C-alpha atoms as a PDB file:
ATOM      1  CA  UNK A   1      11.356 -11.108   7.262  1.00  0.00           C
ATOM      2  CA  UNK A   2      11.493  -8.870   4.172  1.00  0.00           C
ATOM      3  CA  UNK A   3       8.366  -6.774   4.765  1.00  0.00           C
ATOM      4  CA  UNK A   4       5.771  -6.283   7.492  1.00  0.00           C
ATOM      5  CA  UNK A   5       2.583  -4.408   6.551  1.00  0.00           C
ATOM      6  CA  UNK A   6       0.250  -2.853   9.121  1.00  0.00           C
ATOM      7  CA  UNK A   7      -3.280  -1.566   8.578  1.00  0.00           C
ATOM      8  CA  UNK A   8      -6.673  -2.575   7.274  1.00  0.00           C
ATOM      9  CA  UNK A   9      -7.676  -6.093   6.275  1.00  0.00           C
ATOM     10  CA  UNK A  10     -11.270  -6.017   5.080  1.00  0.00           C
ATOM     11  CA  UNK A  11     -13.818  -7.462   2.736  1.00  0.00           C
ATOM     12  CA  UNK A  12     -14.311  -5.474  -0.486  1.00  0.00           C
ATOM     13  CA  UNK A  13     -17.831  -5.849  -1.882  1.00  0.00           C
ATOM     14  CA  UNK A  14     -17.497  -5.656  -5.673  1.00  0.00           C
ATOM     15  CA  UNK A  15     -20.543  -4.663  -7.767  1.00  0.00           C
ATOM     16  CA  UNK A  16     -22.214  -7.003 -10.192  1.00  0.00           C
ATOM     17  CA  UNK A  17     -22.470  -4.157 -12.745  1.00  0.00           C
ATOM     18  CA  UNK A  18     -19.732  -1.802 -13.856  1.00  0.00           C
ATOM     19  CA  UNK A  19     -20.773   1.776 -14.564  1.00  0.00           C
ATOM     20  CA  UNK A  20     -23.714   1.731 -12.141  1.00  0.00           C
ATOM     21  CA  UNK A  21     -24.219   3.986  -9.137  1.00  0.00           C
ATOM     22  CA  UNK A  22     -24.308   2.360  -5.720  1.00  0.00           C
ATOM     23  CA  UNK A  23     -28.116   2.436  -5.463  1.00  0.00           C
ATOM     24  CA  UNK A  24     -28.458   0.756  -8.866  1.00  0.00           C
ATOM     25  CA  UNK A  25     -26.133  -2.191  -8.212  1.00  0.00           C
ATOM     26  CA  UNK A  26     -28.085  -5.447  -8.095  1.00  0.00           C
ATOM     27  CA  UNK A  27     -25.604  -7.509  -6.047  1.00  0.00           C
ATOM     28  CA  UNK A  28     -22.159  -7.408  -4.458  1.00  0.00           C
ATOM     29  CA  UNK A  29     -19.449 -10.087  -4.412  1.00  0.00           C
ATOM     30  CA  UNK A  30     -17.193 -10.234  -1.320  1.00  0.00           C
ATOM     31  CA  UNK A  31     -13.494 -10.171  -2.229  1.00  0.00           C
ATOM     32  CA  UNK A  32     -10.618  -9.998   0.305  1.00  0.00           C
ATOM     33  CA  UNK A  33      -8.856  -6.619   0.363  1.00  0.00           C
ATOM     34  CA  UNK A  34      -7.376  -3.751   2.357  1.00  0.00           C
ATOM     35  CA  UNK A  35      -4.388  -1.854   0.970  1.00  0.00           C
ATOM     36  CA  UNK A  36      -1.650  -2.979   3.428  1.00  0.00           C
ATOM     37  CA  UNK A  37      -2.890  -6.574   3.215  1.00  0.00           C
ATOM     38  CA  UNK A  38      -2.815  -6.321  -0.579  1.00  0.00           C
ATOM     39  CA  UNK A  39       0.775  -5.080  -0.410  1.00  0.00           C
ATOM     40  CA  UNK A  40       1.736  -8.041   1.783  1.00  0.00           C
ATOM     41  CA  UNK A  41       0.170 -10.510  -0.650  1.00  0.00           C
ATOM     42  CA  UNK A  42       1.745  -8.727  -3.622  1.00  0.00           C
ATOM     43  CA  UNK A  43       5.161  -9.021  -1.975  1.00  0.00           C
ATOM     44  CA  UNK A  44       4.629 -12.712  -1.191  1.00  0.00           C
ATOM     45  CA  UNK A  45       3.494 -13.430  -4.758  1.00  0.00           C
ATOM     46  CA  UNK A  46       6.721 -11.844  -5.961  1.00  0.00           C
ATOM     47  CA  UNK A  47       8.846 -14.113  -3.791  1.00  0.00           C
ATOM     48  CA  UNK A  48       9.428 -12.110  -0.609  1.00  0.00           C
ATOM     49  CA  UNK A  49       8.816 -13.101   3.003  1.00  0.00           C
ATOM     50  CA  UNK A  50       5.838 -10.958   4.066  1.00  0.00           C
ATOM     51  CA  UNK A  51       3.805 -10.538   7.233  1.00  0.00           C
ATOM     52  CA  UNK A  52       0.665  -8.612   8.169  1.00  0.00           C
ATOM     53  CA  UNK A  53      -0.398  -6.777  11.343  1.00  0.00           C
ATOM     54  CA  UNK A  54      -3.963  -5.668  11.896  1.00  0.00           C
ATOM     55  CA  UNK A  55      -7.337  -6.591  13.346  1.00  0.00           C
ATOM     56  CA  UNK A  56     -10.484  -8.270  12.011  1.00  0.00           C
ATOM     57  CA  UNK A  57     -13.706  -9.348  13.676  1.00  0.00           C
ATOM     58  CA  UNK A  58     -13.987 -12.823  15.137  1.00  0.00           C
ATOM     59  CA  UNK A  59     -16.584 -13.642  12.502  1.00  0.00           C
ATOM     60  CA  UNK A  60     -16.894 -15.500   9.227  1.00  0.00           C
ATOM     61  CA  UNK A  61     -15.421 -12.685   7.156  1.00  0.00           C
ATOM     62  CA  UNK A  62     -12.496 -12.269   9.565  1.00  0.00           C
ATOM     63  CA  UNK A  63     -11.662 -15.958   9.558  1.00  0.00           C
ATOM     64  CA  UNK A  64     -11.906 -16.071   5.761  1.00  0.00           C
ATOM     65  CA  UNK A  65      -9.539 -13.118   5.451  1.00  0.00           C
ATOM     66  CA  UNK A  66      -7.031 -14.787   7.765  1.00  0.00           C
ATOM     67  CA  UNK A  67      -7.211 -17.931   5.631  1.00  0.00           C
ATOM     68  CA  UNK A  68      -6.598 -15.942   2.461  1.00  0.00           C
ATOM     69  CA  UNK A  69      -3.425 -14.442   3.911  1.00  0.00           C
ATOM     70  CA  UNK A  70      -2.207 -17.879   4.974  1.00  0.00           C
ATOM     71  CA  UNK A  71      -3.064 -19.359   1.580  1.00  0.00           C
ATOM     72  CA  UNK A  72      -0.940 -16.641  -0.014  1.00  0.00           C
ATOM     73  CA  UNK A  73       2.068 -17.358   2.238  1.00  0.00           C
ATOM     74  CA  UNK A  74       1.665 -14.208   4.354  1.00  0.00           C
ATOM     75  CA  UNK A  75       2.732 -14.566   8.001  1.00  0.00           C
ATOM     76  CA  UNK A  76      -0.251 -13.806  10.286  1.00  0.00           C
ATOM     77  CA  UNK A  77       1.496 -13.675  13.681  1.00  0.00           C
ATOM     78  CA  UNK A  78       0.524 -10.005  13.902  1.00  0.00           C
ATOM     79  CA  UNK A  79      -3.168 -10.503  13.062  1.00  0.00           C
ATOM     80  CA  UNK A  80      -5.631 -10.006  15.915  1.00  0.00           C
ATOM     81  CA  UNK A  81      -9.329 -11.007  16.238  1.00  0.00           C
ATOM     82  CA  UNK A  82     -11.780  -8.705  18.016  1.00  0.00           C
ATOM     83  CA  UNK A  83     -14.566 -10.423  19.952  1.00  0.00           C
ATOM     84  CA  UNK A  84     -16.954  -7.451  19.776  1.00  0.00           C
ATOM     85  CA  UNK A  85     -16.442  -5.505  16.536  1.00  0.00           C
ATOM     86  CA  UNK A  86     -17.272  -6.854  13.095  1.00  0.00           C
ATOM     87  CA  UNK A  87     -14.839  -7.117  10.211  1.00  0.00           C
ATOM     88  CA  UNK A  88     -14.656  -3.910   8.175  1.00  0.00           C
ATOM     89  CA  UNK A  89     -16.551  -3.850   4.861  1.00  0.00           C
ATOM     90  CA  UNK A  90     -15.996  -1.647   1.811  1.00  0.00           C
ATOM     91  CA  UNK A  91     -18.726  -1.425  -0.840  1.00  0.00           C
ATOM     92  CA  UNK A  92     -17.251  -0.527  -4.224  1.00  0.00           C
ATOM     93  CA  UNK A  93     -18.698   0.923  -7.396  1.00  0.00           C
ATOM     94  CA  UNK A  94     -16.776   0.994 -10.679  1.00  0.00           C
ATOM     95  CA  UNK A  95     -17.805   4.002 -12.792  1.00  0.00           C
ATOM     96  CA  UNK A  96     -15.099   3.077 -15.337  1.00  0.00           C
ATOM     97  CA  UNK A  97     -12.354   0.409 -15.534  1.00  0.00           C
ATOM     98  CA  UNK A  98      -9.830   3.028 -14.389  1.00  0.00           C
ATOM     99  CA  UNK A  99     -11.758   4.457 -11.429  1.00  0.00           C
ATOM    100  CA  UNK A 100     -13.659   3.303  -8.365  1.00  0.00           C
ATOM    101  CA  UNK A 101     -15.650   4.743  -5.460  1.00  0.00           C
ATOM    102  CA  UNK A 102     -15.806   3.428  -1.887  1.00  0.00           C
ATOM    103  CA  UNK A 103     -18.405   3.237   0.868  1.00  0.00           C
ATOM    104  CA  UNK A 104     -16.851   1.916   4.096  1.00  0.00           C
ATOM    105  CA  UNK A 105     -18.576   0.259   7.031  1.00  0.00           C
ATOM    106  CA  UNK A 106     -15.751   0.615   9.549  1.00  0.00           C
ATOM    107  CA  UNK A 107     -15.214  -2.134  12.070  1.00  0.00           C
ATOM    108  CA  UNK A 108     -12.408  -4.010  13.782  1.00  0.00           C
ATOM    109  CA  UNK A 109      -9.474  -2.612  11.797  1.00  0.00           C
ATOM    110  CA  UNK A 110      -9.789   0.760  13.606  1.00  0.00           C
ATOM    111  CA  UNK A 111      -9.433  -0.965  17.003  1.00  0.00           C
ATOM    112  CA  UNK A 112      -5.884  -2.216  16.493  1.00  0.00           C
ATOM    113  CA  UNK A 113      -4.070  -0.751  19.517  1.00  0.00           C
ATOM    114  CA  UNK A 114      -0.460  -0.310  20.681  1.00  0.00           C
ATOM    115  CA  UNK A 115      -0.973  -3.354  22.914  1.00  0.00           C
ATOM    116  CA  UNK A 116      -1.706  -5.436  19.799  1.00  0.00           C
ATOM    117  CA  UNK A 117       1.721  -4.766  18.229  1.00  0.00           C
ATOM    118  CA  UNK A 118       4.033  -7.751  17.787  1.00  0.00           C
ATOM    119  CA  UNK A 119       7.321  -5.990  18.578  1.00  0.00           C
ATOM    120  CA  UNK A 120       9.344  -9.112  17.843  1.00  0.00           C
ATOM    121  CA  UNK A 121       8.063  -9.174  14.282  1.00  0.00           C
ATOM    122  CA  UNK A 122       9.110  -5.549  13.810  1.00  0.00           C
ATOM    123  CA  UNK A 123      12.595  -6.231  15.144  1.00  0.00           C
ATOM    124  CA  UNK A 124      13.216  -8.873  12.494  1.00  0.00           C
ATOM    125  CA  UNK A 125      11.896  -7.115   9.396  1.00  0.00           C
ATOM    126  CA  UNK A 126      13.841  -5.241   6.722  1.00  0.00           C
ATOM    127  CA  UNK A 127      10.877  -3.040   5.710  1.00  0.00           C
ATOM    128  CA  UNK A 128       7.833  -1.763   7.597  1.00  0.00           C
ATOM    129  CA  UNK A 129       4.923  -0.471   5.493  1.00  0.00           C
ATOM    130  CA  UNK A 130       1.678   1.310   6.400  1.00  0.00           C
ATOM    131  CA  UNK A 131      -1.014   3.609   4.952  1.00  0.00           C
ATOM    132  CA  UNK A 132      -3.145   6.520   6.102  1.00  0.00           C
ATOM    133  CA  UNK A 133      -6.396   4.603   6.668  1.00  0.00           C
ATOM    134  CA  UNK A 134      -4.993   3.452  10.010  1.00  0.00           C
ATOM    135  CA  UNK A 135      -4.209   7.082  10.893  1.00  0.00           C
ATOM    136  CA  UNK A 136      -7.827   8.220  10.632  1.00  0.00           C
ATOM    137  CA  UNK A 137      -8.988   6.987  14.065  1.00  0.00           C
ATOM    138  CA  UNK A 138      -7.723   6.001  17.493  1.00  0.00           C
ATOM    139  CA  UNK A 139      -6.411   3.650  18.726  1.00  0.00           C
ATOM    140  CA  UNK A 140      -5.082   2.454  15.362  1.00  0.00           C
ATOM    141  CA  UNK A 141      -3.395   5.838  14.771  1.00  0.00           C
ATOM    142  CA  UNK A 142      -1.265   5.544  17.896  1.00  0.00           C
ATOM    143  CA  UNK A 143      -0.537   1.893  17.131  1.00  0.00           C
ATOM    144  CA  UNK A 144       0.631   2.710  13.604  1.00  0.00           C
ATOM    145  CA  UNK A 145       2.963   5.508  14.686  1.00  0.00           C
ATOM    146  CA  UNK A 146       4.346   3.399  17.525  1.00  0.00           C
ATOM    147  CA  UNK A 147       4.987   0.472  15.164  1.00  0.00           C
ATOM    148  CA  UNK A 148       6.783   2.801  12.747  1.00  0.00           C
ATOM    149  CA  UNK A 149       8.941   4.079  15.614  1.00  0.00           C
ATOM    150  CA  UNK A 150       9.809   0.562  16.776  1.00  0.00           C
ATOM    151  CA  UNK A 151      10.616  -0.594  13.251  1.00  0.00           C
ATOM    152  CA  UNK A 152      12.873   2.377  12.544  1.00  0.00           C
ATOM    153  CA  UNK A 153      14.569   1.959  15.923  1.00  0.00           C
ATOM    154  CA  UNK A 154      15.331  -1.642  14.956  1.00  0.00           C
ATOM    155  CA  UNK A 155      16.828  -0.502  11.648  1.00  0.00           C
ATOM    156  CA  UNK A 156      13.964  -1.256   9.259  1.00  0.00           C
ATOM    157  CA  UNK A 157      13.198   0.885   6.240  1.00  0.00           C
ATOM    158  CA  UNK A 158       9.843   2.640   6.777  1.00  0.00           C
ATOM    159  CA  UNK A 159       7.446   2.936   3.827  1.00  0.00           C
ATOM    160  CA  UNK A 160       4.237   5.015   3.822  1.00  0.00           C
ATOM    161  CA  UNK A 161       1.586   4.931   1.082  1.00  0.00           C
ATOM    162  CA  UNK A 162      -0.846   7.796   1.712  1.00  0.00           C
ATOM    163  CA  UNK A 163      -3.813   5.998   0.070  1.00  0.00           C
ATOM    164  CA  UNK A 164      -6.123   8.795   1.244  1.00  0.00           C
ATOM    165  CA  UNK A 165      -9.784   7.925   1.859  1.00  0.00           C
ATOM    166  CA  UNK A 166     -11.536  11.197   2.832  1.00  0.00           C
ATOM    167  CA  UNK A 167     -14.798   9.606   4.013  1.00  0.00           C
ATOM    168  CA  UNK A 168     -12.963   7.743   6.794  1.00  0.00           C
ATOM    169  CA  UNK A 169     -11.896  10.948   8.561  1.00  0.00           C
ATOM    170  CA  UNK A 170     -14.390  12.376  11.042  1.00  0.00           C
ATOM    171  CA  UNK A 171     -12.831  15.821  10.524  1.00  0.00           C
ATOM    172  CA  UNK A 172     -11.432  16.177   6.974  1.00  0.00           C
ATOM    173  CA  UNK A 173      -9.214  19.089   8.014  1.00  0.00           C
ATOM    174  CA  UNK A 174      -7.430  16.738  10.412  1.00  0.00           C
ATOM    175  CA  UNK A 175      -6.136  14.500   7.642  1.00  0.00           C
ATOM    176  CA  UNK A 176      -3.328  16.589   6.071  1.00  0.00           C
ATOM    177  CA  UNK A 177      -1.504  17.365   9.341  1.00  0.00           C
ATOM    178  CA  UNK A 178      -1.789  13.764  10.532  1.00  0.00           C
ATOM    179  CA  UNK A 179      -0.526  12.468   7.190  1.00  0.00           C
ATOM    180  CA  UNK A 180       2.385  14.931   7.203  1.00  0.00           C
ATOM    181  CA  UNK A 181       3.282  13.828  10.733  1.00  0.00           C
ATOM    182  CA  UNK A 182       3.404  10.202   9.598  1.00  0.00           C
ATOM    183  CA  UNK A 183       5.431  11.143   6.505  1.00  0.00           C
ATOM    184  CA  UNK A 184       8.112  12.508   8.825  1.00  0.00           C
ATOM    185  CA  UNK A 185       8.561   8.954  10.148  1.00  0.00           C
ATOM    186  CA  UNK A 186       8.990   7.445   6.667  1.00  0.00           C
ATOM    187  CA  UNK A 187      12.020   6.840   4.462  1.00  0.00           C
ATOM    188  CA  UNK A 188       9.867   6.191   1.395  1.00  0.00           C
ATOM    189  CA  UNK A 189       6.642   8.118   0.715  1.00  0.00           C
ATOM    190  CA  UNK A 190       4.199   7.169  -2.047  1.00  0.00           C
ATOM    191  CA  UNK A 191       1.328   9.399  -3.230  1.00  0.00           C
ATOM    192  CA  UNK A 192      -0.866   9.780  -6.295  1.00  0.00           C
ATOM    193  CA  UNK A 193      -1.448  13.097  -8.049  1.00  0.00           C
ATOM    194  CA  UNK A 194      -4.496  14.100  -6.000  1.00  0.00           C
ATOM    195  CA  UNK A 195      -2.673  13.277  -2.749  1.00  0.00           C
ATOM    196  CA  UNK A 196       0.301  15.343  -3.871  1.00  0.00           C
ATOM    197  CA  UNK A 197      -2.076  18.239  -4.458  1.00  0.00           C
ATOM    198  CA  UNK A 198      -3.682  17.731  -1.031  1.00  0.00           C
ATOM    199  CA  UNK A 199      -0.373  17.701   0.824  1.00  0.00           C
ATOM    200  CA  UNK A 200       1.824  20.009  -1.260  1.00  0.00           C
ATOM    201  CA  UNK A 201      -0.605  22.280  -3.112  1.00  0.00           C
ATOM    202  CA  UNK A 202       0.204  21.117  -6.634  1.00  0.00           C
ATOM    203  CA  UNK A 203       0.111  17.942  -8.705  1.00  0.00           C
ATOM    204  CA  UNK A 204       3.414  18.285 -10.587  1.00  0.00           C
ATOM    205  CA  UNK A 205       5.992  15.978  -8.964  1.00  0.00           C
ATOM    206  CA  UNK A 206       8.977  18.095  -9.949  1.00  0.00           C
ATOM    207  CA  UNK A 207       7.678  21.430  -8.660  1.00  0.00           C
ATOM    208  CA  UNK A 208       5.687  20.173  -5.650  1.00  0.00           C
ATOM    209  CA  UNK A 209       7.579  17.083  -4.549  1.00  0.00           C
ATOM    210  CA  UNK A 210      10.255  18.966  -2.669  1.00  0.00           C
ATOM    211  CA  UNK A 211       7.729  20.112  -0.071  1.00  0.00           C
ATOM    212  CA  UNK A 212       7.085  16.485   0.868  1.00  0.00           C
ATOM    213  CA  UNK A 213      10.775  15.587   0.918  1.00  0.00           C
ATOM    214  CA  UNK A 214      11.194  18.433   3.410  1.00  0.00           C
ATOM    215  CA  UNK A 215       9.070  16.379   5.820  1.00  0.00           C
ATOM    216  CA  UNK A 216      11.786  13.729   6.041  1.00  0.00           C
ATOM    217  CA  UNK A 217      11.523  10.945   3.408  1.00  0.00           C
ATOM    218  CA  UNK A 218      14.569  10.173   1.275  1.00  0.00           C
ATOM    219  CA  UNK A 219      12.441   9.252  -1.741  1.00  0.00           C
ATOM    220  CA  UNK A 220       9.005  10.349  -2.929  1.00  0.00           C
ATOM    221  CA  UNK A 221       7.147   8.286  -5.511  1.00  0.00           C
ATOM    222  CA  UNK A 222       4.172   9.767  -7.356  1.00  0.00           C
ATOM    223  CA  UNK A 223       2.047   7.225  -9.236  1.00  0.00           C
ATOM    224  CA  UNK A 224       0.554   8.551 -12.468  1.00  0.00           C
ATOM    225  CA  UNK A 225      -1.868   5.813 -13.560  1.00  0.00           C
ATOM    226  CA  UNK A 226      -1.260   4.623 -17.107  1.00  0.00           C
ATOM    227  CA  UNK A 227       1.539   7.166 -17.403  1.00  0.00           C
ATOM    228  CA  UNK A 228       3.702   5.253 -14.910  1.00  0.00           C
ATOM    229  CA  UNK A 229       5.363   7.043 -12.015  1.00  0.00           C
ATOM    230  CA  UNK A 230       7.712   9.823 -11.016  1.00  0.00           C
ATOM    231  CA  UNK A 231      10.500   9.411  -8.483  1.00  0.00           C
ATOM    232  CA  UNK A 232      11.672  12.507  -6.627  1.00  0.00           C
ATOM    233  CA  UNK A 233      14.915  12.869  -4.684  1.00  0.00           C
ATOM    234  CA  UNK A 234      16.945  15.856  -3.595  1.00  0.00           C
ATOM    235  CA  UNK A 235      19.014  15.385  -6.733  1.00  0.00           C
ATOM    236  CA  UNK A 236      15.986  15.736  -9.026  1.00  0.00           C
ATOM    237  CA  UNK A 237      12.896  14.112 -10.511  1.00  0.00           C
ATOM    238  CA  UNK A 238      12.758  11.209 -12.989  1.00  0.00           C
ATOM    239  CA  UNK A 239       9.705   9.805 -14.745  1.00  0.00           C
ATOM    240  CA  UNK A 240       9.252   6.171 -15.730  1.00  0.00           C
ATOM    241  CA  UNK A 241       6.683   5.196 -18.355  1.00  0.00           C
ATOM    242  CA  UNK A 242       3.862   2.814 -17.578  1.00  0.00           C
ATOM    243  CA  UNK A 243       2.531  -0.160 -19.544  1.00  0.00           C
ATOM    244  CA  UNK A 244      -0.646   0.196 -21.587  1.00  0.00           C
ATOM    245  CA  UNK A 245      -2.634  -3.010 -21.153  1.00  0.00           C
ATOM    246  CA  UNK A 246      -6.401  -3.578 -21.528  1.00  0.00           C
ATOM    247  CA  UNK A 247      -7.849  -2.492 -18.180  1.00  0.00           C
ATOM    248  CA  UNK A 248     -10.694  -4.389 -16.507  1.00  0.00           C
ATOM    249  CA  UNK A 249     -10.448  -3.076 -12.936  1.00  0.00           C
ATOM    250  CA  UNK A 250      -7.916  -0.561 -11.605  1.00  0.00           C
ATOM    251  CA  UNK A 251      -8.639  -1.367  -7.946  1.00  0.00           C
ATOM    252  CA  UNK A 252      -5.429  -2.324  -6.169  1.00  0.00           C
ATOM    253  CA  UNK A 253      -2.983  -1.316  -8.893  1.00  0.00           C
ATOM    254  CA  UNK A 254      -1.261   1.027  -6.468  1.00  0.00           C
ATOM    255  CA  UNK A 255      -0.944  -1.753  -3.898  1.00  0.00           C
ATOM    256  CA  UNK A 256       0.647  -4.051  -6.476  1.00  0.00           C
ATOM    257  CA  UNK A 257       3.000  -1.225  -7.436  1.00  0.00           C
ATOM    258  CA  UNK A 258       4.063  -0.653  -3.822  1.00  0.00           C
ATOM    259  CA  UNK A 259       4.558  -4.354  -3.081  1.00  0.00           C
ATOM    260  CA  UNK A 260       6.660  -4.797  -6.209  1.00  0.00           C
ATOM    261  CA  UNK A 261       8.683  -1.639  -5.527  1.00  0.00           C
ATOM    262  CA  UNK A 262       9.513  -2.708  -1.987  1.00  0.00           C
ATOM    263  CA  UNK A 263      10.454  -6.256  -2.983  1.00  0.00           C
ATOM    264  CA  UNK A 264      12.819  -5.073  -5.698  1.00  0.00           C
ATOM    265  CA  UNK A 265      14.309  -2.339  -3.517  1.00  0.00           C
ATOM    266  CA  UNK A 266      14.879  -4.820  -0.681  1.00  0.00           C
ATOM    267  CA  UNK A 267      16.944  -6.996  -3.016  1.00  0.00           C
ATOM    268  CA  UNK A 268      19.328  -4.059  -3.548  1.00  0.00           C
ATOM    269  CA  UNK A 269      19.808  -3.244   0.128  1.00  0.00           C
ATOM    270  CA  UNK A 270      22.603  -4.812   2.118  1.00  0.00           C
ATOM    271  CA  UNK A 271      22.284  -6.867   5.292  1.00  0.00           C
ATOM    272  CA  UNK A 272      23.291  -4.088   7.700  1.00  0.00           C
ATOM    273  CA  UNK A 273      20.044  -3.032   9.348  1.00  0.00           C
ATOM    274  CA  UNK A 274      21.132   0.354  10.645  1.00  0.00           C
ATOM    275  CA  UNK A 275      22.103   1.505   7.161  1.00  0.00           C
ATOM    276  CA  UNK A 276      18.966   0.624   5.193  1.00  0.00           C
ATOM    277  CA  UNK A 277      17.580   4.165   4.937  1.00  0.00           C
ATOM    278  CA  UNK A 278      20.959   5.514   3.876  1.00  0.00           C
ATOM    279  CA  UNK A 279      21.300   2.705   1.344  1.00  0.00           C
ATOM    280  CA  UNK A 280      17.919   3.576  -0.132  1.00  0.00           C
ATOM    281  CA  UNK A 281      18.918   7.215  -0.498  1.00  0.00           C
ATOM    282  CA  UNK A 282      22.159   6.174  -2.175  1.00  0.00           C
ATOM    283  CA  UNK A 283      20.766   3.807  -4.821  1.00  0.00           C
ATOM    284  CA  UNK A 284      21.875   4.666  -8.342  1.00  0.00           C
ATOM    285  CA  UNK A 285      19.540   6.106 -10.963  1.00  0.00           C
ATOM    286  CA  UNK A 286      19.944   2.907 -12.975  1.00  0.00           C
ATOM    287  CA  UNK A 287      18.898   0.751 -10.022  1.00  0.00           C
ATOM    288  CA  UNK A 288      15.906   2.935  -9.221  1.00  0.00           C
ATOM    289  CA  UNK A 289      14.824   2.925 -12.869  1.00  0.00           C
ATOM    290  CA  UNK A 290      14.782  -0.891 -12.830  1.00  0.00           C
ATOM    291  CA  UNK A 291      12.782  -0.935  -9.589  1.00  0.00           C
ATOM    292  CA  UNK A 292      10.216   1.537 -10.964  1.00  0.00           C
ATOM    293  CA  UNK A 293       9.870  -0.329 -14.252  1.00  0.00           C
ATOM    294  CA  UNK A 294       9.232  -3.598 -12.387  1.00  0.00           C
ATOM    295  CA  UNK A 295       6.649  -1.913 -10.146  1.00  0.00           C
ATOM    296  CA  UNK A 296       4.909  -0.250 -13.106  1.00  0.00           C
ATOM    297  CA  UNK A 297       4.600  -3.646 -14.782  1.00  0.00           C
ATOM    298  CA  UNK A 298       3.100  -5.246 -11.652  1.00  0.00           C
ATOM    299  CA  UNK A 299       0.558  -2.442 -11.339  1.00  0.00           C
ATOM    300  CA  UNK A 300      -0.459  -2.649 -14.997  1.00  0.00           C
ATOM    301  CA  UNK A 301      -0.958  -6.417 -14.849  1.00  0.00           C
ATOM    302  CA  UNK A 302      -3.213  -6.083 -11.801  1.00  0.00           C
ATOM    303  CA  UNK A 303      -5.633  -3.930 -13.824  1.00  0.00           C
ATOM    304  CA  UNK A 304      -6.170  -6.725 -16.349  1.00  0.00           C
ATOM    305  CA  UNK A 305      -8.210  -8.847 -13.898  1.00  0.00           C
ATOM    306  CA  UNK A 306     -11.160  -8.138 -11.611  1.00  0.00           C
ATOM    307  CA  UNK A 307     -10.594  -7.834  -7.879  1.00  0.00           C
ATOM    308  CA  UNK A 308      -7.327  -7.137  -6.107  1.00  0.00           C
ATOM    309  CA  UNK A 309      -5.776 -10.166  -4.418  1.00  0.00           C
ATOM    310  CA  UNK A 310      -6.912 -12.516  -7.216  1.00  0.00           C
ATOM    311  CA  UNK A 311      -5.335 -10.145  -9.757  1.00  0.00           C
ATOM    312  CA  UNK A 312      -1.944  -9.612  -8.104  1.00  0.00           C
ATOM    313  CA  UNK A 313       0.706 -11.047 -10.437  1.00  0.00           C
ATOM    314  CA  UNK A 314       3.398 -13.602  -9.686  1.00  0.00           C
ATOM    315  CA  UNK A 315       6.996 -12.753 -10.543  1.00  0.00           C
ATOM    316  CA  UNK A 316       6.927 -14.807 -13.730  1.00  0.00           C
ATOM    317  CA  UNK A 317       4.125 -12.710 -15.243  1.00  0.00           C
ATOM    318  CA  UNK A 318       5.932  -9.478 -14.431  1.00  0.00           C
ATOM    319  CA  UNK A 319       9.192 -10.706 -15.929  1.00  0.00           C
ATOM    320  CA  UNK A 320       7.366 -11.946 -19.029  1.00  0.00           C
ATOM    321  CA  UNK A 321       5.817  -8.496 -19.590  1.00  0.00           C
ATOM    322  CA  UNK A 322       9.169  -6.813 -19.057  1.00  0.00           C
ATOM    323  CA  UNK A 323      10.761  -9.203 -21.521  1.00  0.00           C
ATOM    324  CA  UNK A 324       8.135  -8.479 -24.176  1.00  0.00           C
ATOM    325  CA  UNK A 325       8.550  -4.713 -23.822  1.00  0.00           C
ATOM    326  CA  UNK A 326      12.301  -4.407 -23.253  1.00  0.00           C
ATOM    327  CA  UNK A 327      13.851  -1.325 -24.761  1.00  0.00           C
END
């Protein structure tokens, strides 16, 4: 297995009208989503073996979400169905093509427990990936940290995308310390500019990124929207330009970026499990530049279509964009 993603699998409810406030939206269209699930699908679309761990309700939405993962070649051995709780819903509004706002109705995803973990799946994966939504409540917080521990113990590379959603935390002040604790378990940490400011006190990757590397990750990636991304290591900070394409819906661009980054990085890592984190830290600047460029292209293409999973690009589309813009 190339990558196992753990976290929320939910139904995003997309608005019929862009630019309208929640109360003014006339209708909502259910679209499969959830950041870790999106990353798993993105990785599968790009040719990797991907699996998902999480929990949905034993209801129509939950069964549909499971089918979508299967249809997109994502292994669902780690997916659990809750008999009591409903599948989580997220109502979205789109003030502009490059921004969105969320209103969550939390359900089964928060009930994923340590007992639900498929340890065998973690022992066979090269990369384990998670986000902070599953850190915001128990028992999913304990399950996420335990899965990260098991994966690292087995030699997997651990990836953490902060993907901060403030409304999901009962006590907002609890979020930064919990996120920093999880970052200490990661080899790769991904944030956006606002998350960098939340965790490190500033939004400049070069001046503020070191504070997050001090937590433990070998590499910090800061996504910068249309501007691309910055990659921070102990040896310095490098920026990689994005791709300016006509944007329809920016939802999920970060998930496409992460999935693409992990797939390309995995192809550069050797077969020796215990050395994966060290291999990541030792990748050349040229190799990392190619990985970031590929991920930037995947993220940009995702913004050109509405929805997330329907918009995630296949490898051919990413390579075609890179070919058109080479040099």
